[in-house]
């Protein structure tokens, strides 16, 4: 099974992912994005957020 993750070491808090998929991502108090709900948006929207991240901090990992 795949899990969506944000690499906190890479994330710069650009909020691009939140703008594209606010139902999936949110900015935490540290100013960086995190996944608030897995798979609650269609895969095309999630893929758009992954590709739009300016520092490539979002990816799928196998659990």
PDB file of N, CA and C in Angstrom:
ATOM      1  N   UNK A   1       0.836  -1.185   0.000  1.00  0.00           N
ATOM      2  CA  UNK A   1       0.000   0.000   0.000  1.00  0.00           C
ATOM      3  C   UNK A   1       0.883   1.252   0.000  1.00  0.00           C
ATOM      4  N   UNK A   2       0.475   2.235  -0.741  1.00  0.00           N
ATOM      5  CA  UNK A   2       1.231   3.484  -0.819  1.00  0.00           C
ATOM      6  C   UNK A   2       0.763   4.478   0.239  1.00  0.00           C
ATOM      7  N   UNK A   3       1.714   5.280   0.685  1.00  0.00           N
ATOM      8  CA  UNK A   3       1.410   6.336   1.647  1.00  0.00           C
ATOM      9  C   UNK A   3       2.017   7.632   1.124  1.00  0.00           C
ATOM     10  N   UNK A   4       1.267   8.698   1.197  1.00  0.00           N
ATOM     11  CA  UNK A   4       1.732  10.007   0.762  1.00  0.00           C
ATOM     12  C   UNK A   4       2.516  10.647   1.907  1.00  0.00           C
ATOM     13  N   UNK A   5       3.710  11.156   1.611  1.00  0.00           N
ATOM     14  CA  UNK A   5       4.541  11.780   2.645  1.00  0.00           C
ATOM     15  C   UNK A   5       5.136  13.102   2.169  1.00  0.00           C
ATOM     16  N   UNK A   6       5.418  13.959   3.132  1.00  0.00           N
ATOM     17  CA  UNK A   6       6.135  15.204   2.875  1.00  0.00           C
ATOM     18  C   UNK A   6       7.456  15.120   3.621  1.00  0.00           C
ATOM     19  N   UNK A   7       8.543  15.315   2.912  1.00  0.00           N
ATOM     20  CA  UNK A   7       9.874  15.308   3.509  1.00  0.00           C
ATOM     21  C   UNK A   7      10.095  16.662   4.183  1.00  0.00           C
ATOM     22  N   UNK A   8      10.067  16.671   5.507  1.00  0.00           N
ATOM     23  CA  UNK A   8      10.212  17.915   6.275  1.00  0.00           C
ATOM     24  C   UNK A   8      11.578  18.567   6.075  1.00  0.00           C
ATOM     25  N   UNK A   9      12.573  17.781   5.716  1.00  0.00           N
ATOM     26  CA  UNK A   9      13.900  18.345   5.478  1.00  0.00           C
ATOM     27  C   UNK A   9      13.963  19.122   4.172  1.00  0.00           C
ATOM     28  N   UNK A  10      13.094  18.790   3.229  1.00  0.00           N
ATOM     29  CA  UNK A  10      13.078  19.477   1.941  1.00  0.00           C
ATOM     30  C   UNK A  10      12.040  20.595   1.890  1.00  0.00           C
ATOM     31  N   UNK A  11      10.924  20.420   2.586  1.00  0.00           N
ATOM     32  CA  UNK A  11       9.804  21.356   2.494  1.00  0.00           C
ATOM     33  C   UNK A  11      10.225  22.777   2.882  1.00  0.00           C
ATOM     34  N   UNK A  12       9.827  23.752   2.063  1.00  0.00           N
ATOM     35  CA  UNK A  12      10.125  25.155   2.342  1.00  0.00           C
ATOM     36  C   UNK A  12       8.857  25.940   2.671  1.00  0.00           C
ATOM     37  N   UNK A  13       7.728  25.244   2.760  1.00  0.00           N
ATOM     38  CA  UNK A  13       6.476  25.900   3.132  1.00  0.00           C
ATOM     39  C   UNK A  13       5.903  26.813   2.071  1.00  0.00           C
ATOM     40  N   UNK A  14       6.091  26.467   0.813  1.00  0.00           N
ATOM     41  CA  UNK A  14       5.591  27.318  -0.271  1.00  0.00           C
ATOM     42  C   UNK A  14       4.065  27.327  -0.364  1.00  0.00           C
ATOM     43  N   UNK A  15       3.430  26.345   0.225  1.00  0.00           N
ATOM     44  CA  UNK A  15       1.979  26.188   0.266  1.00  0.00           C
ATOM     45  C   UNK A  15       1.347  25.863  -1.084  1.00  0.00           C
ATOM     46  N   UNK A  16       2.160  25.520  -2.061  1.00  0.00           N
ATOM     47  CA  UNK A  16       1.637  25.140  -3.372  1.00  0.00           C
ATOM     48  C   UNK A  16       0.734  23.916  -3.257  1.00  0.00           C
ATOM     49  N   UNK A  17       1.151  22.940  -2.469  1.00  0.00           N
ATOM     50  CA  UNK A  17       0.353  21.725  -2.306  1.00  0.00           C
ATOM     51  C   UNK A  17      -0.992  22.025  -1.645  1.00  0.00           C
ATOM     52  N   UNK A  18      -0.990  22.935  -0.690  1.00  0.00           N
ATOM     53  CA  UNK A  18      -2.226  23.313  -0.005  1.00  0.00           C
ATOM     54  C   UNK A  18      -3.173  24.015  -0.980  1.00  0.00           C
ATOM     55  N   UNK A  19      -2.626  24.849  -1.846  1.00  0.00           N
ATOM     56  CA  UNK A  19      -3.452  25.544  -2.835  1.00  0.00           C
ATOM     57  C   UNK A  19      -4.097  24.565  -3.808  1.00  0.00           C
ATOM     58  N   UNK A  20      -3.377  23.507  -4.164  1.00  0.00           N
ATOM     59  CA  UNK A  20      -3.881  22.526  -5.128  1.00  0.00           C
ATOM     60  C   UNK A  20      -4.805  21.505  -4.470  1.00  0.00           C
ATOM     61  N   UNK A  21      -4.432  21.035  -3.293  1.00  0.00           N
ATOM     62  CA  UNK A  21      -5.204  19.975  -2.632  1.00  0.00           C
ATOM     63  C   UNK A  21      -5.370  20.274  -1.128  1.00  0.00           C
ATOM     64  N   UNK A  22      -6.173  21.281  -0.787  1.00  0.00           N
ATOM     65  CA  UNK A  22      -6.322  21.651   0.627  1.00  0.00           C
ATOM     66  C   UNK A  22      -6.978  20.568   1.482  1.00  0.00           C
ATOM     67  N   UNK A  23      -7.662  19.645   0.837  1.00  0.00           N
ATOM     68  CA  UNK A  23      -8.269  18.538   1.586  1.00  0.00           C
ATOM     69  C   UNK A  23      -7.233  17.492   1.995  1.00  0.00           C
ATOM     70  N   UNK A  24      -6.050  17.546   1.384  1.00  0.00           N
ATOM     71  CA  UNK A  24      -4.992  16.575   1.661  1.00  0.00           C
ATOM     72  C   UNK A  24      -3.873  17.178   2.515  1.00  0.00           C
ATOM     73  N   UNK A  25      -3.464  18.403   2.196  1.00  0.00           N
ATOM     74  CA  UNK A  25      -2.308  19.022   2.845  1.00  0.00           C
ATOM     75  C   UNK A  25      -2.702  20.225   3.689  1.00  0.00           C
ATOM     76  N   UNK A  26      -1.893  20.482   4.726  1.00  0.00           N
ATOM     77  CA  UNK A  26      -2.032  21.718   5.489  1.00  0.00           C
ATOM     78  C   UNK A  26      -0.653  22.109   6.015  1.00  0.00           C
ATOM     79  N   UNK A  27      -0.524  23.370   6.377  1.00  0.00           N
ATOM     80  CA  UNK A  27       0.731  23.874   6.919  1.00  0.00           C
ATOM     81  C   UNK A  27       0.669  23.764   8.439  1.00  0.00           C
ATOM     82  N   UNK A  28       1.702  23.175   9.018  1.00  0.00           N
ATOM     83  CA  UNK A  28       1.779  23.013  10.469  1.00  0.00           C
ATOM     84  C   UNK A  28       2.392  24.265  11.096  1.00  0.00           C
ATOM     85  N   UNK A  29       2.434  24.294  12.402  1.00  0.00           N
ATOM     86  CA  UNK A  29       2.954  25.455  13.127  1.00  0.00           C
ATOM     87  C   UNK A  29       4.422  25.736  12.816  1.00  0.00           C
ATOM     88  N   UNK A  30       5.143  24.720  12.316  1.00  0.00           N
ATOM     89  CA  UNK A  30       6.547  24.931  11.938  1.00  0.00           C
ATOM     90  C   UNK A  30       6.689  25.565  10.559  1.00  0.00           C
ATOM     91  N   UNK A  31       5.556  25.852   9.910  1.00  0.00           N
ATOM     92  CA  UNK A  31       5.580  26.496   8.602  1.00  0.00           C
ATOM     93  C   UNK A  31       5.757  25.539   7.441  1.00  0.00           C
ATOM     94  N   UNK A  32       5.751  24.233   7.736  1.00  0.00           N
ATOM     95  CA  UNK A  32       5.945  23.226   6.694  1.00  0.00           C
ATOM     96  C   UNK A  32       4.680  22.416   6.490  1.00  0.00           C
ATOM     97  N   UNK A  33       4.561  21.882   5.299  1.00  0.00           N
ATOM     98  CA  UNK A  33       3.383  21.106   4.937  1.00  0.00           C
ATOM     99  C   UNK A  33       3.407  19.719   5.564  1.00  0.00           C
ATOM    100  N   UNK A  34       2.219  19.180   5.777  1.00  0.00           N
ATOM    101  CA  UNK A  34       2.101  17.774   6.138  1.00  0.00           C
ATOM    102  C   UNK A  34       0.808  17.237   5.550  1.00  0.00           C
ATOM    103  N   UNK A  35       0.725  15.924   5.470  1.00  0.00           N
ATOM    104  CA  UNK A  35      -0.453  15.259   4.938  1.00  0.00           C
ATOM    105  C   UNK A  35      -1.455  15.123   6.072  1.00  0.00           C
ATOM    106  N   UNK A  36      -2.606  15.781   5.924  1.00  0.00           N
ATOM    107  CA  UNK A  36      -3.605  15.674   6.988  1.00  0.00           C
ATOM    108  C   UNK A  36      -4.559  14.517   6.750  1.00  0.00           C
ATOM    109  N   UNK A  37      -4.828  14.188   5.492  1.00  0.00           N
ATOM    110  CA  UNK A  37      -5.689  13.047   5.169  1.00  0.00           C
ATOM    111  C   UNK A  37      -5.143  12.327   3.950  1.00  0.00           C
ATOM    112  N   UNK A  38      -4.885  11.047   4.084  1.00  0.00           N
ATOM    113  CA  UNK A  38      -4.413  10.226   2.977  1.00  0.00           C
ATOM    114  C   UNK A  38      -5.560   9.954   2.005  1.00  0.00           C
ATOM    115  N   UNK A  39      -5.297  10.045   0.732  1.00  0.00           N
ATOM    116  CA  UNK A  39      -6.213   9.603  -0.323  1.00  0.00           C
ATOM    117  C   UNK A  39      -7.615  10.184  -0.254  1.00  0.00           C
ATOM    118  N   UNK A  40      -7.752  11.421   0.191  1.00  0.00           N
ATOM    119  CA  UNK A  40      -9.092  11.999   0.226  1.00  0.00           C
ATOM    120  C   UNK A  40      -9.363  12.874  -0.992  1.00  0.00           C
ATOM    121  N   UNK A  41      -8.430  12.931  -1.910  1.00  0.00           N
ATOM    122  CA  UNK A  41      -8.612  13.637  -3.178  1.00  0.00           C
ATOM    123  C   UNK A  41      -8.337  12.634  -4.289  1.00  0.00           C
ATOM    124  N   UNK A  42      -8.796  12.974  -5.485  1.00  0.00           N
ATOM    125  CA  UNK A  42      -8.531  12.059  -6.594  1.00  0.00           C
ATOM    126  C   UNK A  42      -7.030  12.051  -6.886  1.00  0.00           C
ATOM    127  N   UNK A  43      -6.573  10.953  -7.424  1.00  0.00           N
ATOM    128  CA  UNK A  43      -5.138  10.768  -7.638  1.00  0.00           C
ATOM    129  C   UNK A  43      -4.545  11.815  -8.569  1.00  0.00           C
ATOM    130  N   UNK A  44      -5.304  12.279  -9.547  1.00  0.00           N
ATOM    131  CA  UNK A  44      -4.799  13.302 -10.467  1.00  0.00           C
ATOM    132  C   UNK A  44      -4.475  14.593  -9.718  1.00  0.00           C
ATOM    133  N   UNK A  45      -5.305  14.958  -8.755  1.00  0.00           N
ATOM    134  CA  UNK A  45      -5.060  16.162  -7.962  1.00  0.00           C
ATOM    135  C   UNK A  45      -3.825  15.993  -7.093  1.00  0.00           C
ATOM    136  N   UNK A  46      -3.685  14.833  -6.470  1.00  0.00           N
ATOM    137  CA  UNK A  46      -2.513  14.563  -5.645  1.00  0.00           C
ATOM    138  C   UNK A  46      -1.244  14.587  -6.498  1.00  0.00           C
ATOM    139  N   UNK A  47      -1.295  13.971  -7.668  1.00  0.00           N
ATOM    140  CA  UNK A  47      -0.134  13.981  -8.566  1.00  0.00           C
ATOM    141  C   UNK A  47       0.212  15.401  -9.000  1.00  0.00           C
ATOM    142  N   UNK A  48      -0.788  16.235  -9.216  1.00  0.00           N
ATOM    143  CA  UNK A  48      -0.544  17.633  -9.577  1.00  0.00           C
ATOM    144  C   UNK A  48       0.202  18.345  -8.446  1.00  0.00           C
ATOM    145  N   UNK A  49      -0.210  18.098  -7.202  1.00  0.00           N
ATOM    146  CA  UNK A  49       0.461  18.704  -6.050  1.00  0.00           C
ATOM    147  C   UNK A  49       1.901  18.212  -5.937  1.00  0.00           C
ATOM    148  N   UNK A  50       2.110  16.928  -6.163  1.00  0.00           N
ATOM    149  CA  UNK A  50       3.470  16.362  -6.114  1.00  0.00           C
ATOM    150  C   UNK A  50       4.356  17.040  -7.150  1.00  0.00           C
ATOM    151  N   UNK A  51       3.865  17.162  -8.361  1.00  0.00           N
ATOM    152  CA  UNK A  51       4.660  17.754  -9.450  1.00  0.00           C
ATOM    153  C   UNK A  51       4.876  19.252  -9.263  1.00  0.00           C
ATOM    154  N   UNK A  52       3.938  19.925  -8.596  1.00  0.00           N
ATOM    155  CA  UNK A  52       4.032  21.374  -8.420  1.00  0.00           C
ATOM    156  C   UNK A  52       4.955  21.787  -7.281  1.00  0.00           C
ATOM    157  N   UNK A  53       5.310  20.867  -6.411  1.00  0.00           N
ATOM    158  CA  UNK A  53       6.180  21.207  -5.280  1.00  0.00           C
ATOM    159  C   UNK A  53       7.529  21.703  -5.815  1.00  0.00           C
ATOM    160  N   UNK A  54       7.923  22.924  -5.456  1.00  0.00           N
ATOM    161  CA  UNK A  54       9.153  23.472  -6.026  1.00  0.00           C
ATOM    162  C   UNK A  54      10.437  22.786  -5.565  1.00  0.00           C
ATOM    163  N   UNK A  55      10.362  22.025  -4.463  1.00  0.00           N
ATOM    164  CA  UNK A  55      11.558  21.358  -3.955  1.00  0.00           C
ATOM    165  C   UNK A  55      11.418  19.835  -3.937  1.00  0.00           C
ATOM    166  N   UNK A  56      10.388  19.329  -4.592  1.00  0.00           N
ATOM    167  CA  UNK A  56      10.142  17.875  -4.710  1.00  0.00           C
ATOM    168  C   UNK A  56      10.108  17.185  -3.344  1.00  0.00           C
ATOM    169  N   UNK A  57       9.382  17.804  -2.400  1.00  0.00           N
ATOM    170  CA  UNK A  57       9.314  17.277  -1.033  1.00  0.00           C
ATOM    171  C   UNK A  57       8.181  16.266  -0.833  1.00  0.00           C
ATOM    172  N   UNK A  58       7.298  16.109  -1.811  1.00  0.00           N
ATOM    173  CA  UNK A  58       6.151  15.233  -1.659  1.00  0.00           C
ATOM    174  C   UNK A  58       6.335  13.987  -2.519  1.00  0.00           C
ATOM    175  N   UNK A  59       6.047  12.838  -1.937  1.00  0.00           N
ATOM    176  CA  UNK A  59       6.177  11.598  -2.700  1.00  0.00           C
ATOM    177  C   UNK A  59       5.308  10.506  -2.109  1.00  0.00           C
ATOM    178  N   UNK A  60       5.184   9.430  -2.881  1.00  0.00           N
ATOM    179  CA  UNK A  60       4.525   8.218  -2.414  1.00  0.00           C
ATOM    180  C   UNK A  60       5.606   7.272  -1.905  1.00  0.00           C
ATOM    181  N   UNK A  61       5.352   6.593  -0.806  1.00  0.00           N
ATOM    182  CA  UNK A  61       6.242   5.541  -0.322  1.00  0.00           C
ATOM    183  C   UNK A  61       5.412   4.288  -0.083  1.00  0.00           C
ATOM    184  N   UNK A  62       6.048   3.161  -0.250  1.00  0.00           N
ATOM    185  CA  UNK A  62       5.375   1.882   0.003  1.00  0.00           C
ATOM    186  C   UNK A  62       5.455   1.563   1.486  1.00  0.00           C
ATOM    187  N   UNK A  63       4.346   1.130   2.032  1.00  0.00           N
ATOM    188  CA  UNK A  63       4.338   0.758   3.448  1.00  0.00           C
ATOM    189  C   UNK A  63       4.599  -0.716   3.614  1.00  0.00           C
TER     190      UNK A  63
END
